[in-house]
Amino acid sequence: MARERTTELLTVRQVLDELGGISRRTFYRWRQLRTAPRCIRLPNGELRVRRDVLNDWLEDRREGAA
């Protein structure tokens, strides 16, 4: 039996809110620079970010002592 993997898919708006309300323009600039969290493009053209991908992306940017 295959393990079912479920994770929340966040809209761009939800990601912006979680990142402290950064602008949509900044997010798309980060995508151009390939520094934004990896996104999924849905068939309708909308972007989604998996919750675990966003969490990992944030953890990779954590500063301070380990």
C-alpha atoms as a PDB file:
ATOM      1  CA  MET A   1       0.000   0.000   0.000  1.00  0.00           C
ATOM      2  CA  ALA A   2       1.461   3.371  -1.030  1.00  0.00           C
ATOM      3  CA  ARG A   3       2.005   5.917   1.698  1.00  0.00           C
ATOM      4  CA  GLU A   4      -0.348   8.826   1.293  1.00  0.00           C
ATOM      5  CA  ARG A   5       1.496  12.136   1.382  1.00  0.00           C
ATOM      6  CA  THR A   6      -0.567  15.166   2.111  1.00  0.00           C
ATOM      7  CA  THR A   7       0.641  18.699   2.506  1.00  0.00           C
ATOM      8  CA  GLU A   8      -1.062  22.042   2.466  1.00  0.00           C
ATOM      9  CA  LEU A   9      -0.776  24.065  -0.736  1.00  0.00           C
ATOM     10  CA  LEU A  10      -0.512  27.781  -0.044  1.00  0.00           C
ATOM     11  CA  THR A  11      -1.591  30.532  -2.399  1.00  0.00           C
ATOM     12  CA  VAL A  12       0.839  33.329  -3.216  1.00  0.00           C
ATOM     13  CA  ARG A  13      -1.246  35.643  -1.005  1.00  0.00           C
ATOM     14  CA  GLN A  14      -0.894  33.242   1.950  1.00  0.00           C
ATOM     15  CA  VAL A  15       2.870  33.035   1.413  1.00  0.00           C
ATOM     16  CA  LEU A  16       3.138  36.833   1.275  1.00  0.00           C
ATOM     17  CA  ASP A  17       1.209  37.121   4.534  1.00  0.00           C
ATOM     18  CA  GLU A  18       3.399  34.497   6.220  1.00  0.00           C
ATOM     19  CA  LEU A  19       6.521  36.363   5.134  1.00  0.00           C
ATOM     20  CA  GLY A  20       5.410  39.458   6.977  1.00  0.00           C
ATOM     21  CA  GLY A  21       3.363  41.011   4.225  1.00  0.00           C
ATOM     22  CA  ILE A  22       6.037  41.341   1.541  1.00  0.00           C
ATOM     23  CA  SER A  23       4.765  42.688  -1.751  1.00  0.00           C
ATOM     24  CA  ARG A  24       3.693  40.510  -4.640  1.00  0.00           C
ATOM     25  CA  ARG A  25       6.254  42.353  -6.743  1.00  0.00           C
ATOM     26  CA  THR A  26       9.054  41.347  -4.355  1.00  0.00           C
ATOM     27  CA  PHE A  27       7.936  37.721  -4.422  1.00  0.00           C
ATOM     28  CA  TYR A  28       7.936  37.606  -8.211  1.00  0.00           C
ATOM     29  CA  ARG A  29      11.339  39.328  -8.279  1.00  0.00           C
ATOM     30  CA  TRP A  30      12.648  36.608  -5.970  1.00  0.00           C
ATOM     31  CA  ARG A  31      11.238  34.048  -8.421  1.00  0.00           C
ATOM     32  CA  GLN A  32      13.154  35.710 -11.268  1.00  0.00           C
ATOM     33  CA  LEU A  33      16.315  35.558  -9.162  1.00  0.00           C
ATOM     34  CA  ARG A  34      15.530  31.941  -8.213  1.00  0.00           C
ATOM     35  CA  THR A  35      15.650  32.756  -4.512  1.00  0.00           C
ATOM     36  CA  ALA A  36      11.929  32.299  -3.759  1.00  0.00           C
ATOM     37  CA  PRO A  37      10.570  29.012  -2.408  1.00  0.00           C
ATOM     38  CA  ARG A  38       9.864  26.489  -5.151  1.00  0.00           C
ATOM     39  CA  CYS A  39       6.360  26.806  -6.573  1.00  0.00           C
ATOM     40  CA  ILE A  40       3.895  24.531  -8.292  1.00  0.00           C
ATOM     41  CA  ARG A  41       2.094  25.949 -11.330  1.00  0.00           C
ATOM     42  CA  LEU A  42      -1.453  24.621 -11.562  1.00  0.00           C
ATOM     43  CA  PRO A  43      -3.131  23.947 -14.935  1.00  0.00           C
ATOM     44  CA  ASN A  44      -5.040  27.241 -14.573  1.00  0.00           C
ATOM     45  CA  GLY A  45      -1.713  29.106 -14.309  1.00  0.00           C
ATOM     46  CA  GLU A  46      -1.954  29.905 -10.593  1.00  0.00           C
ATOM     47  CA  LEU A  47       1.011  29.258  -8.315  1.00  0.00           C
ATOM     48  CA  ARG A  48       1.018  27.297  -5.091  1.00  0.00           C
ATOM     49  CA  VAL A  49       3.758  26.674  -2.533  1.00  0.00           C
ATOM     50  CA  ARG A  50       3.761  23.512  -0.483  1.00  0.00           C
ATOM     51  CA  ARG A  51       3.761  24.192   3.261  1.00  0.00           C
ATOM     52  CA  ASP A  52       6.761  21.897   3.844  1.00  0.00           C
ATOM     53  CA  VAL A  53       8.727  23.616   1.060  1.00  0.00           C
ATOM     54  CA  LEU A  54       8.053  27.038   2.585  1.00  0.00           C
ATOM     55  CA  ASN A  55       9.039  25.804   6.054  1.00  0.00           C
ATOM     56  CA  ASP A  56      12.297  24.326   4.714  1.00  0.00           C
ATOM     57  CA  TRP A  57      13.005  27.521   2.748  1.00  0.00           C
ATOM     58  CA  LEU A  58      12.537  29.615   5.897  1.00  0.00           C
ATOM     59  CA  GLU A  59      14.705  27.277   7.965  1.00  0.00           C
ATOM     60  CA  ASP A  60      17.503  27.526   5.400  1.00  0.00           C
ATOM     61  CA  ARG A  61      17.477  31.303   5.896  1.00  0.00           C
ATOM     62  CA  ARG A  62      17.597  31.247   9.679  1.00  0.00           C
ATOM     63  CA  GLU A  63      20.450  33.278  11.158  1.00  0.00           C
ATOM     64  CA  GLY A  64      22.234  32.851  14.441  1.00  0.00           C
ATOM     65  CA  ALA A  65      23.963  30.128  16.365  1.00  0.00           C
ATOM     66  CA  ALA A  66      23.036  26.575  15.505  1.00  0.00           C
END
